[in-house]
């Protein structure tokens, strides 16, 4: 990608636009399939690109991606850092609760392990979507989210820019988050969940006494 230009007249719905060369001359057609960066391109951004020809001998962009600081900013979605902060806060908070004796290690361990698995599944599904291969079923992603993997799924959505625009999927994702958080709250605080707490070794969570404390 030795040429520089400005991506102009980009239509995200149609998946194509034109690059105006920095050195001047006719605009170069650019299709979304030639985009080599992360996420989706947007208009009025400086790009680097290579040139090729289509089947009819017309010049078009072979590959293109943002140039300079734009490439750095485009590599991470705007919501990635917030998603990462939420994930670290949730898993770190559970880890701190274990450290001070309020939870058994199994609770933060399950959240951390399932989050890593969910993140990996989002990476696999994103790669499959780009290459046109067999996808990971959405109900499998939701199951991982429900089973304590939603912090990793949240990071995966933002890092890979995947499933963030699909309203039905987002509804299912946040429903899984609510159900999981509700189940955790029930387990730790609800009087009727005492039997479950006893089985998991967190009998003292209700009174907020550390595990093994005297009450």
N, C-alpha and C. Protein backbone atom coordinates (compact mmCIF):
# COMPACT_ATOMS: atom_id res chain seq x y z
N UNK A 1 0.85 -1.20 0.00
CA UNK A 1 0.00 0.00 0.00
C UNK A 1 0.88 1.24 0.00
N UNK A 2 1.33 1.64 -1.19
CA UNK A 2 2.29 2.73 -1.32
C UNK A 2 1.63 4.07 -1.64
N UNK A 3 0.33 4.06 -1.92
CA UNK A 3 -0.35 5.30 -2.28
C UNK A 3 -1.09 5.88 -1.08
N UNK A 4 -1.20 7.21 -1.07
CA UNK A 4 -1.95 7.90 -0.04
C UNK A 4 -3.09 8.68 -0.67
N UNK A 5 -4.16 8.82 0.09
CA UNK A 5 -5.30 9.58 -0.40
C UNK A 5 -6.32 9.81 0.69
N UNK A 6 -7.46 10.35 0.30
CA UNK A 6 -8.54 10.65 1.23
C UNK A 6 -9.76 9.84 0.82
N UNK A 7 -10.29 9.07 1.75
CA UNK A 7 -11.49 8.28 1.46
C UNK A 7 -12.69 9.22 1.43
N UNK A 8 -13.32 9.34 0.29
CA UNK A 8 -14.44 10.27 0.13
C UNK A 8 -15.66 9.55 -0.42
N UNK A 9 -16.82 10.17 -0.24
CA UNK A 9 -18.09 9.65 -0.76
C UNK A 9 -18.30 8.20 -0.37
N UNK A 10 -18.00 7.86 0.88
CA UNK A 10 -18.16 6.48 1.33
C UNK A 10 -19.60 6.19 1.72
N UNK A 11 -20.17 5.11 1.20
CA UNK A 11 -21.52 4.66 1.54
C UNK A 11 -21.40 3.37 2.33
N UNK A 12 -21.62 3.44 3.64
CA UNK A 12 -21.47 2.25 4.46
C UNK A 12 -22.57 1.24 4.17
N UNK A 13 -23.76 1.72 3.81
CA UNK A 13 -24.87 0.80 3.49
C UNK A 13 -24.56 -0.02 2.25
N UNK A 14 -23.95 0.60 1.25
CA UNK A 14 -23.64 -0.10 0.00
C UNK A 14 -22.27 -0.76 0.03
N UNK A 15 -21.43 -0.32 0.98
CA UNK A 15 -20.13 -0.96 1.13
C UNK A 15 -19.09 -0.54 0.12
N UNK A 16 -19.16 0.67 -0.37
CA UNK A 16 -18.11 1.14 -1.27
C UNK A 16 -18.02 2.66 -1.22
N UNK A 17 -16.93 3.17 -1.79
CA UNK A 17 -16.72 4.61 -1.87
C UNK A 17 -15.58 4.89 -2.83
N UNK A 18 -14.98 6.07 -2.68
CA UNK A 18 -13.91 6.46 -3.59
C UNK A 18 -12.77 7.11 -2.81
N UNK A 19 -11.57 6.89 -3.29
CA UNK A 19 -10.37 7.48 -2.70
C UNK A 19 -9.85 8.55 -3.65
N UNK A 20 -9.68 9.75 -3.11
CA UNK A 20 -9.08 10.83 -3.89
C UNK A 20 -7.58 10.83 -3.64
N UNK A 21 -6.75 10.54 -4.65
CA UNK A 21 -5.30 10.45 -4.44
C UNK A 21 -4.71 11.75 -3.90
N UNK A 22 -3.74 11.64 -3.02
CA UNK A 22 -3.10 12.81 -2.44
C UNK A 22 -2.34 13.59 -3.50
N UNK A 23 -1.85 12.91 -4.52
CA UNK A 23 -1.09 13.58 -5.57
C UNK A 23 -2.00 14.12 -6.68
N UNK A 24 -3.30 13.95 -6.52
CA UNK A 24 -4.23 14.41 -7.53
C UNK A 24 -4.56 13.33 -8.54
N UNK A 25 -5.51 13.61 -9.39
CA UNK A 25 -5.91 12.64 -10.39
C UNK A 25 -7.31 12.12 -10.13
N UNK A 26 -7.73 11.15 -10.91
CA UNK A 26 -9.07 10.61 -10.81
C UNK A 26 -9.25 9.81 -9.51
N UNK A 27 -10.48 9.82 -9.03
CA UNK A 27 -10.78 9.06 -7.83
C UNK A 27 -10.67 7.55 -8.11
N UNK A 28 -10.34 6.81 -7.06
CA UNK A 28 -10.17 5.36 -7.17
C UNK A 28 -11.31 4.67 -6.43
N UNK A 29 -11.97 3.74 -7.10
CA UNK A 29 -13.05 2.99 -6.48
C UNK A 29 -12.50 2.09 -5.37
N UNK A 30 -13.21 2.04 -4.23
CA UNK A 30 -12.78 1.21 -3.10
C UNK A 30 -13.99 0.45 -2.56
N UNK A 31 -13.87 -0.87 -2.49
CA UNK A 31 -14.96 -1.71 -1.99
C UNK A 31 -14.62 -2.20 -0.58
N UNK A 32 -15.66 -2.47 0.21
CA UNK A 32 -15.46 -2.89 1.59
C UNK A 32 -14.63 -4.17 1.68
N UNK A 33 -14.72 -5.02 0.66
CA UNK A 33 -13.96 -6.27 0.66
C UNK A 33 -12.45 -6.02 0.60
N UNK A 34 -12.05 -4.82 0.18
CA UNK A 34 -10.62 -4.49 0.09
C UNK A 34 -10.11 -3.80 1.35
N UNK A 35 -11.01 -3.53 2.30
CA UNK A 35 -10.60 -2.81 3.51
C UNK A 35 -9.78 -3.74 4.40
N UNK A 36 -8.59 -3.33 4.76
CA UNK A 36 -7.67 -4.16 5.54
C UNK A 36 -7.55 -3.72 6.99
N UNK A 37 -8.37 -2.77 7.41
CA UNK A 37 -8.32 -2.30 8.80
C UNK A 37 -9.36 -2.98 9.66
N UNK A 38 -9.57 -2.45 10.86
CA UNK A 38 -10.55 -2.97 11.79
C UNK A 38 -11.84 -2.19 11.68
N UNK A 39 -12.95 -2.82 12.03
CA UNK A 39 -14.23 -2.15 12.01
C UNK A 39 -14.70 -1.82 10.61
N UNK A 40 -15.31 -0.65 10.47
CA UNK A 40 -15.84 -0.21 9.18
C UNK A 40 -15.21 1.12 8.82
N UNK A 41 -14.92 1.34 7.52
CA UNK A 41 -14.36 2.63 7.11
C UNK A 41 -15.38 3.75 7.22
N UNK A 42 -14.92 4.95 7.26
CA UNK A 42 -15.81 6.12 7.25
C UNK A 42 -15.17 7.20 6.38
N UNK A 43 -16.00 8.09 5.90
CA UNK A 43 -15.55 9.10 4.95
C UNK A 43 -14.62 10.13 5.57
N UNK A 44 -13.88 10.80 4.68
CA UNK A 44 -13.00 11.90 5.05
C UNK A 44 -11.89 11.48 6.00
N UNK A 45 -11.34 10.29 5.74
CA UNK A 45 -10.21 9.81 6.53
C UNK A 45 -9.04 9.53 5.59
N UNK A 46 -7.83 9.86 6.03
CA UNK A 46 -6.64 9.60 5.23
C UNK A 46 -6.36 8.10 5.19
N UNK A 47 -6.07 7.59 4.01
CA UNK A 47 -5.84 6.15 3.86
C UNK A 47 -4.58 5.89 3.03
N UNK A 48 -4.05 4.69 3.21
CA UNK A 48 -3.02 4.14 2.34
C UNK A 48 -3.68 3.03 1.52
N UNK A 49 -3.28 2.89 0.28
CA UNK A 49 -3.94 1.90 -0.56
C UNK A 49 -3.01 1.41 -1.66
N UNK A 50 -3.35 0.25 -2.17
CA UNK A 50 -2.66 -0.29 -3.34
C UNK A 50 -3.62 -0.26 -4.51
N UNK A 51 -3.10 -0.43 -5.70
CA UNK A 51 -3.92 -0.37 -6.91
C UNK A 51 -3.97 -1.73 -7.60
N UNK A 52 -5.12 -2.04 -8.16
CA UNK A 52 -5.30 -3.24 -8.95
C UNK A 52 -6.31 -2.95 -10.03
N UNK A 53 -6.66 -3.95 -10.82
CA UNK A 53 -7.66 -3.79 -11.87
C UNK A 53 -8.75 -4.83 -11.70
N UNK A 54 -9.99 -4.44 -12.05
CA UNK A 54 -11.06 -5.42 -12.02
C UNK A 54 -11.08 -6.21 -13.33
N UNK A 55 -12.08 -7.05 -13.50
CA UNK A 55 -12.14 -7.92 -14.67
C UNK A 55 -12.30 -7.15 -15.98
N UNK A 56 -12.74 -5.89 -15.86
CA UNK A 56 -12.93 -5.06 -17.05
C UNK A 56 -11.78 -4.09 -17.28
N UNK A 57 -10.72 -4.27 -16.51
CA UNK A 57 -9.54 -3.44 -16.68
C UNK A 57 -9.62 -2.07 -16.03
N UNK A 58 -10.62 -1.86 -15.16
CA UNK A 58 -10.76 -0.57 -14.48
C UNK A 58 -9.92 -0.55 -13.20
N UNK A 59 -9.28 0.59 -12.95
CA UNK A 59 -8.44 0.74 -11.77
C UNK A 59 -9.31 0.82 -10.52
N UNK A 60 -8.89 0.11 -9.48
CA UNK A 60 -9.60 0.15 -8.19
C UNK A 60 -8.59 -0.11 -7.08
N UNK A 61 -9.00 0.12 -5.84
CA UNK A 61 -8.12 -0.13 -4.70
C UNK A 61 -8.01 -1.62 -4.45
N UNK A 62 -6.78 -2.13 -4.40
CA UNK A 62 -6.58 -3.54 -4.09
C UNK A 62 -6.80 -3.79 -2.60
N UNK A 63 -6.10 -3.03 -1.77
CA UNK A 63 -6.30 -3.02 -0.32
C UNK A 63 -6.17 -1.58 0.16
N UNK A 64 -6.89 -1.25 1.22
CA UNK A 64 -6.74 0.09 1.80
C UNK A 64 -7.02 0.03 3.29
N UNK A 65 -6.44 0.96 4.02
CA UNK A 65 -6.67 1.10 5.45
C UNK A 65 -6.29 2.51 5.87
N UNK A 66 -6.72 2.88 7.06
CA UNK A 66 -6.39 4.21 7.56
C UNK A 66 -4.89 4.40 7.66
N UNK A 67 -4.46 5.63 7.53
CA UNK A 67 -3.04 5.97 7.63
C UNK A 67 -2.80 6.81 8.87
N UNK A 68 -1.57 6.78 9.36
CA UNK A 68 -1.16 7.64 10.47
C UNK A 68 -1.94 7.40 11.74
N UNK A 69 -2.28 8.49 12.43
CA UNK A 69 -2.97 8.40 13.71
C UNK A 69 -4.37 7.83 13.55
N UNK A 70 -4.94 8.00 12.37
CA UNK A 70 -6.26 7.45 12.11
C UNK A 70 -6.27 5.93 12.20
N UNK A 71 -5.17 5.31 11.76
CA UNK A 71 -5.08 3.86 11.85
C UNK A 71 -5.07 3.40 13.29
N UNK A 72 -4.37 4.13 14.14
CA UNK A 72 -4.31 3.78 15.56
C UNK A 72 -5.67 3.94 16.21
N UNK A 73 -6.35 5.04 15.94
CA UNK A 73 -7.65 5.27 16.57
C UNK A 73 -8.71 4.32 16.07
N UNK A 74 -8.56 3.86 14.83
CA UNK A 74 -9.55 2.95 14.25
C UNK A 74 -9.36 1.52 14.73
N UNK A 75 -8.20 1.21 15.31
CA UNK A 75 -7.93 -0.16 15.71
C UNK A 75 -8.72 -0.57 16.94
N UNK A 76 -9.21 0.40 17.70
CA UNK A 76 -9.97 0.11 18.91
C UNK A 76 -11.29 0.86 18.85
N UNK A 77 -12.37 0.14 19.07
CA UNK A 77 -13.69 0.75 19.06
C UNK A 77 -13.83 1.74 20.23
N UNK A 78 -14.65 2.80 20.07
CA UNK A 78 -14.79 3.79 21.14
C UNK A 78 -15.21 3.19 22.48
N UNK A 79 -16.02 2.13 22.44
CA UNK A 79 -16.51 1.54 23.69
C UNK A 79 -15.62 0.47 24.28
N UNK A 80 -14.46 0.20 23.64
CA UNK A 80 -13.62 -0.90 24.11
C UNK A 80 -13.10 -0.66 25.53
N UNK A 81 -12.57 0.54 25.77
CA UNK A 81 -11.96 0.78 27.08
C UNK A 81 -13.00 0.73 28.20
N UNK A 82 -14.21 1.21 27.92
CA UNK A 82 -15.27 1.13 28.93
C UNK A 82 -15.65 -0.33 29.18
N UNK A 83 -15.76 -1.11 28.10
CA UNK A 83 -16.08 -2.53 28.26
C UNK A 83 -14.99 -3.24 29.06
N UNK A 84 -13.73 -2.93 28.76
CA UNK A 84 -12.62 -3.55 29.49
C UNK A 84 -12.65 -3.15 30.96
N UNK A 85 -12.98 -1.88 31.23
CA UNK A 85 -13.06 -1.41 32.62
C UNK A 85 -14.16 -2.14 33.37
N UNK A 86 -15.31 -2.33 32.71
CA UNK A 86 -16.42 -3.05 33.34
C UNK A 86 -16.02 -4.48 33.66
N UNK A 87 -15.39 -5.15 32.68
CA UNK A 87 -14.98 -6.55 32.87
C UNK A 87 -13.97 -6.68 34.01
N UNK A 88 -12.99 -5.78 34.02
CA UNK A 88 -11.99 -5.82 35.08
C UNK A 88 -12.63 -5.52 36.43
N UNK A 89 -13.58 -4.58 36.44
CA UNK A 89 -14.25 -4.23 37.69
C UNK A 89 -15.05 -5.39 38.25
N UNK A 90 -15.78 -6.09 37.37
CA UNK A 90 -16.61 -7.21 37.82
C UNK A 90 -15.74 -8.35 38.34
N UNK A 91 -14.80 -8.80 37.51
CA UNK A 91 -13.97 -9.95 37.90
C UNK A 91 -13.02 -9.57 39.03
N UNK A 92 -12.48 -8.34 38.97
CA UNK A 92 -11.62 -7.88 40.05
C UNK A 92 -12.36 -7.74 41.36
N UNK A 93 -13.61 -7.26 41.29
CA UNK A 93 -14.41 -7.13 42.50
C UNK A 93 -14.70 -8.48 43.13
N UNK A 94 -15.03 -9.46 42.31
CA UNK A 94 -15.27 -10.81 42.82
C UNK A 94 -13.99 -11.41 43.38
N UNK A 95 -12.87 -11.11 42.71
CA UNK A 95 -11.59 -11.59 43.21
C UNK A 95 -11.26 -10.98 44.57
N UNK A 96 -11.57 -9.69 44.73
CA UNK A 96 -11.32 -9.04 46.02
C UNK A 96 -12.21 -9.63 47.11
N UNK A 97 -13.46 -9.96 46.74
CA UNK A 97 -14.36 -10.58 47.71
C UNK A 97 -13.81 -11.92 48.17
N UNK A 98 -13.21 -12.67 47.25
CA UNK A 98 -12.55 -13.93 47.64
C UNK A 98 -11.33 -13.64 48.52
N UNK A 99 -10.54 -12.64 48.13
CA UNK A 99 -9.32 -12.32 48.88
C UNK A 99 -9.63 -11.99 50.34
N UNK A 100 -10.75 -11.32 50.58
CA UNK A 100 -11.09 -10.93 51.94
C UNK A 100 -12.02 -11.93 52.62
N UNK A 101 -12.24 -13.06 51.96
CA UNK A 101 -12.95 -14.15 52.63
C UNK A 101 -14.45 -14.14 52.51
N UNK A 102 -15.02 -13.36 51.60
CA UNK A 102 -16.46 -13.30 51.46
C UNK A 102 -17.01 -14.28 50.43
N UNK A 103 -16.15 -14.78 49.55
CA UNK A 103 -16.56 -15.70 48.50
C UNK A 103 -15.54 -16.80 48.35
N UNK A 104 -15.97 -17.99 47.95
CA UNK A 104 -15.00 -19.03 47.61
C UNK A 104 -14.37 -18.71 46.27
N UNK A 105 -13.20 -19.27 46.01
CA UNK A 105 -12.46 -18.95 44.80
C UNK A 105 -13.20 -19.37 43.54
N UNK A 106 -14.13 -20.32 43.66
CA UNK A 106 -14.84 -20.83 42.49
C UNK A 106 -15.63 -19.73 41.78
N UNK A 107 -16.14 -18.75 42.52
CA UNK A 107 -16.98 -17.71 41.91
C UNK A 107 -16.17 -16.82 40.96
N UNK A 108 -15.10 -16.13 41.42
CA UNK A 108 -14.32 -15.34 40.45
C UNK A 108 -13.65 -16.20 39.40
N UNK A 109 -13.29 -17.44 39.75
CA UNK A 109 -12.64 -18.32 38.77
C UNK A 109 -13.58 -18.65 37.62
N UNK A 110 -14.84 -18.91 37.93
CA UNK A 110 -15.82 -19.22 36.89
C UNK A 110 -16.04 -18.01 35.99
N UNK A 111 -16.18 -16.83 36.58
CA UNK A 111 -16.37 -15.61 35.78
C UNK A 111 -15.17 -15.37 34.87
N UNK A 112 -13.96 -15.55 35.41
CA UNK A 112 -12.76 -15.31 34.61
C UNK A 112 -12.63 -16.34 33.49
N UNK A 113 -12.83 -17.62 33.83
CA UNK A 113 -12.70 -18.67 32.83
C UNK A 113 -13.74 -18.59 31.73
N UNK A 114 -15.00 -18.36 32.10
CA UNK A 114 -16.06 -18.26 31.10
C UNK A 114 -15.91 -17.00 30.26
N UNK A 115 -15.38 -15.94 30.85
CA UNK A 115 -15.16 -14.71 30.09
C UNK A 115 -14.09 -14.92 29.03
N UNK A 116 -13.02 -15.62 29.37
CA UNK A 116 -11.99 -15.92 28.39
C UNK A 116 -12.54 -16.80 27.27
N UNK A 117 -13.38 -17.77 27.64
CA UNK A 117 -13.98 -18.64 26.63
C UNK A 117 -14.91 -17.86 25.71
N UNK A 118 -15.72 -16.96 26.30
CA UNK A 118 -16.62 -16.14 25.49
C UNK A 118 -15.84 -15.23 24.55
N UNK A 119 -14.76 -14.64 25.06
CA UNK A 119 -13.91 -13.78 24.22
C UNK A 119 -13.34 -14.57 23.05
N UNK A 120 -12.91 -15.79 23.31
CA UNK A 120 -12.36 -16.64 22.25
C UNK A 120 -13.43 -16.98 21.21
N UNK A 121 -14.66 -17.25 21.67
CA UNK A 121 -15.74 -17.59 20.74
C UNK A 121 -16.12 -16.40 19.87
N UNK A 122 -16.05 -15.19 20.43
CA UNK A 122 -16.31 -14.00 19.62
C UNK A 122 -15.22 -13.83 18.57
N UNK A 123 -13.97 -14.13 18.91
CA UNK A 123 -12.89 -14.05 17.94
C UNK A 123 -13.09 -15.05 16.82
N UNK A 124 -13.50 -16.26 17.17
CA UNK A 124 -13.75 -17.31 16.17
C UNK A 124 -14.91 -16.90 15.26
N UNK A 125 -15.98 -16.39 15.85
CA UNK A 125 -17.15 -16.02 15.06
C UNK A 125 -16.87 -14.83 14.15
N UNK A 126 -16.09 -13.87 14.64
CA UNK A 126 -15.73 -12.72 13.80
C UNK A 126 -14.89 -13.17 12.62
N UNK A 127 -13.90 -14.04 12.86
CA UNK A 127 -13.07 -14.54 11.78
C UNK A 127 -13.90 -15.32 10.76
N UNK A 128 -14.85 -16.10 11.26
CA UNK A 128 -15.72 -16.87 10.35
C UNK A 128 -16.59 -15.94 9.52
N UNK A 129 -17.07 -14.86 10.13
CA UNK A 129 -17.91 -13.91 9.40
C UNK A 129 -17.11 -13.23 8.29
N UNK A 130 -15.88 -12.88 8.56
CA UNK A 130 -15.05 -12.20 7.57
C UNK A 130 -14.72 -13.14 6.41
N UNK A 131 -14.44 -14.41 6.72
CA UNK A 131 -14.02 -15.37 5.70
C UNK A 131 -15.18 -16.12 5.06
N UNK A 132 -16.39 -15.91 5.58
CA UNK A 132 -17.55 -16.61 5.03
C UNK A 132 -17.63 -18.06 5.44
N UNK A 133 -17.01 -18.43 6.56
CA UNK A 133 -17.04 -19.80 7.04
C UNK A 133 -18.23 -20.03 7.97
N UNK A 134 -18.34 -21.23 8.46
CA UNK A 134 -19.44 -21.58 9.36
C UNK A 134 -19.34 -20.78 10.65
N UNK A 135 -20.46 -20.18 11.05
CA UNK A 135 -20.49 -19.28 12.20
C UNK A 135 -20.76 -20.02 13.51
N UNK A 136 -20.40 -19.37 14.62
CA UNK A 136 -20.77 -19.85 15.94
C UNK A 136 -22.24 -19.50 16.18
N UNK A 137 -23.09 -20.45 16.51
CA UNK A 137 -24.52 -20.15 16.72
C UNK A 137 -24.71 -19.07 17.78
N UNK A 138 -25.65 -18.18 17.54
CA UNK A 138 -25.88 -17.09 18.49
C UNK A 138 -26.35 -17.61 19.84
N UNK A 139 -27.14 -18.69 19.84
CA UNK A 139 -27.61 -19.20 21.13
C UNK A 139 -26.46 -19.77 21.96
N UNK A 140 -25.39 -20.22 21.29
CA UNK A 140 -24.21 -20.68 22.03
C UNK A 140 -23.48 -19.50 22.66
N UNK A 141 -23.39 -18.39 21.93
CA UNK A 141 -22.78 -17.19 22.50
C UNK A 141 -23.59 -16.70 23.70
N UNK A 142 -24.90 -16.71 23.56
CA UNK A 142 -25.75 -16.27 24.67
C UNK A 142 -25.63 -17.20 25.87
N UNK A 143 -25.47 -18.50 25.62
CA UNK A 143 -25.31 -19.44 26.74
C UNK A 143 -24.04 -19.14 27.51
N UNK A 144 -22.95 -18.85 26.80
CA UNK A 144 -21.70 -18.49 27.47
C UNK A 144 -21.87 -17.21 28.28
N UNK A 145 -22.60 -16.26 27.73
CA UNK A 145 -22.85 -15.00 28.44
C UNK A 145 -23.65 -15.24 29.71
N UNK A 146 -24.66 -16.08 29.60
CA UNK A 146 -25.51 -16.38 30.75
C UNK A 146 -24.74 -17.10 31.83
N UNK A 147 -23.83 -17.98 31.42
CA UNK A 147 -23.05 -18.77 32.38
C UNK A 147 -21.79 -18.04 32.82
N UNK A 148 -21.95 -16.77 33.15
CA UNK A 148 -20.91 -15.93 33.76
C UNK A 148 -19.86 -15.40 32.79
N UNK A 149 -20.03 -15.63 31.48
CA UNK A 149 -19.03 -15.15 30.53
C UNK A 149 -19.33 -13.80 29.91
N UNK A 150 -20.37 -13.12 30.41
CA UNK A 150 -20.75 -11.86 29.77
C UNK A 150 -19.69 -10.75 29.86
N UNK A 151 -18.86 -10.67 30.92
CA UNK A 151 -17.82 -9.62 30.89
C UNK A 151 -16.87 -9.80 29.70
N UNK A 152 -16.45 -11.04 29.43
CA UNK A 152 -15.58 -11.29 28.28
C UNK A 152 -16.29 -11.06 26.96
N UNK A 153 -17.59 -11.39 26.91
CA UNK A 153 -18.38 -11.16 25.70
C UNK A 153 -18.49 -9.67 25.41
N UNK A 154 -18.66 -8.86 26.46
CA UNK A 154 -18.76 -7.42 26.29
C UNK A 154 -17.46 -6.86 25.70
N UNK A 155 -16.33 -7.34 26.21
CA UNK A 155 -15.03 -6.92 25.66
C UNK A 155 -14.89 -7.39 24.22
N UNK A 156 -15.29 -8.63 23.95
CA UNK A 156 -15.18 -9.17 22.60
C UNK A 156 -16.00 -8.40 21.58
N UNK A 157 -17.20 -7.99 21.97
CA UNK A 157 -18.04 -7.21 21.06
C UNK A 157 -17.35 -5.92 20.64
N UNK A 158 -16.75 -5.25 21.60
CA UNK A 158 -16.12 -3.96 21.31
C UNK A 158 -14.77 -4.12 20.63
N UNK A 159 -13.98 -5.10 21.07
CA UNK A 159 -12.65 -5.27 20.50
C UNK A 159 -12.71 -5.72 19.04
N UNK A 160 -13.61 -6.67 18.78
CA UNK A 160 -13.73 -7.19 17.41
C UNK A 160 -14.79 -6.44 16.60
N UNK A 161 -15.45 -5.46 17.23
CA UNK A 161 -16.54 -4.72 16.56
C UNK A 161 -17.53 -5.71 15.96
N UNK A 162 -18.03 -6.57 16.81
CA UNK A 162 -18.84 -7.70 16.37
C UNK A 162 -20.15 -7.75 17.14
N UNK A 163 -21.25 -7.89 16.43
CA UNK A 163 -22.60 -8.01 16.99
C UNK A 163 -23.09 -6.74 17.68
N UNK A 164 -22.41 -5.63 17.52
CA UNK A 164 -22.80 -4.42 18.23
C UNK A 164 -23.96 -3.69 17.56
N UNK A 165 -24.19 -3.95 16.27
CA UNK A 165 -25.25 -3.24 15.55
C UNK A 165 -26.51 -4.07 15.37
N UNK A 166 -26.49 -5.30 15.80
CA UNK A 166 -27.64 -6.18 15.63
C UNK A 166 -28.54 -6.07 16.85
N UNK A 167 -29.66 -5.38 16.70
CA UNK A 167 -30.53 -5.08 17.82
C UNK A 167 -31.04 -6.31 18.55
N UNK A 168 -31.48 -7.33 17.80
CA UNK A 168 -32.02 -8.53 18.43
C UNK A 168 -30.96 -9.24 19.25
N UNK A 169 -29.73 -9.27 18.74
CA UNK A 169 -28.65 -9.93 19.48
C UNK A 169 -28.32 -9.14 20.74
N UNK A 170 -28.27 -7.82 20.63
CA UNK A 170 -27.98 -6.99 21.80
C UNK A 170 -29.05 -7.14 22.87
N UNK A 171 -30.29 -7.27 22.45
CA UNK A 171 -31.37 -7.50 23.42
C UNK A 171 -31.12 -8.81 24.17
N UNK A 172 -30.77 -9.87 23.42
CA UNK A 172 -30.49 -11.15 24.06
C UNK A 172 -29.28 -11.08 24.98
N UNK A 173 -28.26 -10.32 24.54
CA UNK A 173 -27.06 -10.19 25.37
C UNK A 173 -27.37 -9.53 26.70
N UNK A 174 -28.05 -8.39 26.67
CA UNK A 174 -28.33 -7.67 27.92
C UNK A 174 -29.33 -8.42 28.79
N UNK A 175 -30.20 -9.22 28.17
CA UNK A 175 -31.08 -10.06 28.96
C UNK A 175 -30.27 -11.10 29.72
N UNK A 176 -29.25 -11.67 29.07
CA UNK A 176 -28.37 -12.62 29.74
C UNK A 176 -27.60 -11.96 30.88
N UNK A 177 -27.16 -10.72 30.67
CA UNK A 177 -26.45 -9.99 31.73
C UNK A 177 -27.35 -9.80 32.94
N UNK A 178 -28.58 -9.35 32.69
CA UNK A 178 -29.52 -9.11 33.78
C UNK A 178 -29.83 -10.39 34.54
N UNK A 179 -30.06 -11.47 33.82
CA UNK A 179 -30.36 -12.76 34.45
C UNK A 179 -29.18 -13.25 35.27
N UNK A 180 -27.95 -13.10 34.74
CA UNK A 180 -26.77 -13.56 35.45
C UNK A 180 -26.54 -12.75 36.72
N UNK A 181 -26.61 -11.43 36.60
CA UNK A 181 -26.40 -10.57 37.77
C UNK A 181 -27.49 -10.81 38.81
N UNK A 182 -28.73 -10.99 38.32
CA UNK A 182 -29.84 -11.29 39.24
C UNK A 182 -29.63 -12.60 39.97
N UNK A 183 -29.14 -13.62 39.25
CA UNK A 183 -28.89 -14.91 39.87
C UNK A 183 -27.78 -14.81 40.92
N UNK A 184 -26.73 -14.02 40.61
CA UNK A 184 -25.65 -13.84 41.57
C UNK A 184 -26.14 -13.11 42.81
N UNK A 185 -26.96 -12.07 42.60
CA UNK A 185 -27.52 -11.35 43.74
C UNK A 185 -28.40 -12.24 44.60
N UNK A 186 -29.22 -13.08 43.93
CA UNK A 186 -30.07 -14.03 44.66
C UNK A 186 -29.23 -14.99 45.48
N UNK A 187 -28.15 -15.50 44.87
CA UNK A 187 -27.29 -16.46 45.55
C UNK A 187 -26.63 -15.86 46.78
N UNK A 188 -26.21 -14.61 46.68
CA UNK A 188 -25.44 -14.00 47.77
C UNK A 188 -26.32 -13.39 48.86
N UNK A 189 -27.51 -12.91 48.49
CA UNK A 189 -28.26 -12.09 49.44
C UNK A 189 -29.63 -12.63 49.83
N UNK A 190 -30.23 -13.47 49.02
CA UNK A 190 -31.61 -13.88 49.28
C UNK A 190 -31.67 -14.94 50.38
N UNK A 191 -32.51 -14.76 51.38
CA UNK A 191 -32.59 -15.75 52.47
C UNK A 191 -32.90 -17.16 51.99
N UNK A 192 -33.79 -17.28 50.98
CA UNK A 192 -34.17 -18.59 50.49
C UNK A 192 -33.04 -19.32 49.77
N UNK A 193 -31.94 -18.62 49.47
CA UNK A 193 -30.81 -19.25 48.78
C UNK A 193 -29.77 -19.78 49.75
N UNK A 194 -30.14 -19.87 51.04
CA UNK A 194 -29.17 -20.30 52.04
C UNK A 194 -28.64 -21.70 51.75
N UNK A 195 -29.53 -22.58 51.24
CA UNK A 195 -29.10 -23.95 50.95
C UNK A 195 -28.02 -23.96 49.87
N UNK A 196 -28.18 -23.09 48.86
CA UNK A 196 -27.21 -23.02 47.77
C UNK A 196 -25.90 -22.44 48.28
N UNK A 197 -25.98 -21.43 49.13
CA UNK A 197 -24.77 -20.84 49.70
C UNK A 197 -24.01 -21.86 50.54
N UNK A 198 -24.76 -22.67 51.26
CA UNK A 198 -24.12 -23.67 52.10
C UNK A 198 -23.38 -24.70 51.25
N UNK A 199 -24.01 -25.07 50.13
CA UNK A 199 -23.37 -26.05 49.24
C UNK A 199 -22.08 -25.50 48.63
N UNK A 200 -22.06 -24.18 48.37
CA UNK A 200 -20.90 -23.55 47.76
C UNK A 200 -19.90 -23.01 48.78
N UNK A 201 -20.27 -23.13 50.06
CA UNK A 201 -19.36 -22.65 51.08
C UNK A 201 -19.38 -21.16 51.29
N UNK A 202 -20.53 -20.53 51.04
CA UNK A 202 -20.63 -19.08 51.24
C UNK A 202 -21.80 -18.78 52.17
N UNK A 203 -21.90 -19.54 53.25
CA UNK A 203 -22.99 -19.38 54.20
C UNK A 203 -23.04 -17.99 54.80
N UNK A 204 -21.90 -17.31 54.86
CA UNK A 204 -21.84 -16.03 55.57
C UNK A 204 -22.05 -14.83 54.66
N UNK A 205 -22.34 -15.05 53.40
CA UNK A 205 -22.49 -13.92 52.47
C UNK A 205 -23.65 -13.02 52.86
N UNK A 206 -24.72 -13.64 53.38
CA UNK A 206 -25.91 -12.84 53.70
C UNK A 206 -25.61 -11.82 54.79
N UNK A 207 -24.86 -12.23 55.80
CA UNK A 207 -24.55 -11.31 56.90
C UNK A 207 -23.28 -10.52 56.66
N UNK A 208 -22.67 -10.74 55.46
CA UNK A 208 -21.45 -10.03 55.08
C UNK A 208 -20.29 -10.31 56.02
N UNK A 209 -20.32 -11.49 56.64
CA UNK A 209 -19.17 -11.91 57.44
C UNK A 209 -18.23 -12.71 56.57
N UNK A 210 -16.93 -12.58 56.75
CA UNK A 210 -15.99 -13.35 55.94
C UNK A 210 -16.20 -14.85 56.14
N UNK A 211 -15.85 -15.63 55.12
CA UNK A 211 -15.97 -17.08 55.23
C UNK A 211 -15.16 -17.59 56.40
N UNK A 212 -15.80 -18.42 57.17
CA UNK A 212 -15.10 -18.98 58.31
C UNK A 212 -15.13 -18.08 59.54
N UNK A 213 -15.82 -16.91 59.42
CA UNK A 213 -15.88 -16.01 60.56
C UNK A 213 -16.83 -16.50 61.62
N UNK A 214 -16.83 -15.88 62.76
CA UNK A 214 -17.71 -16.26 63.88
C UNK A 214 -18.91 -15.35 63.88
N UNK A 215 -20.11 -15.92 63.97
CA UNK A 215 -21.33 -15.10 63.98
C UNK A 215 -22.28 -15.65 65.01
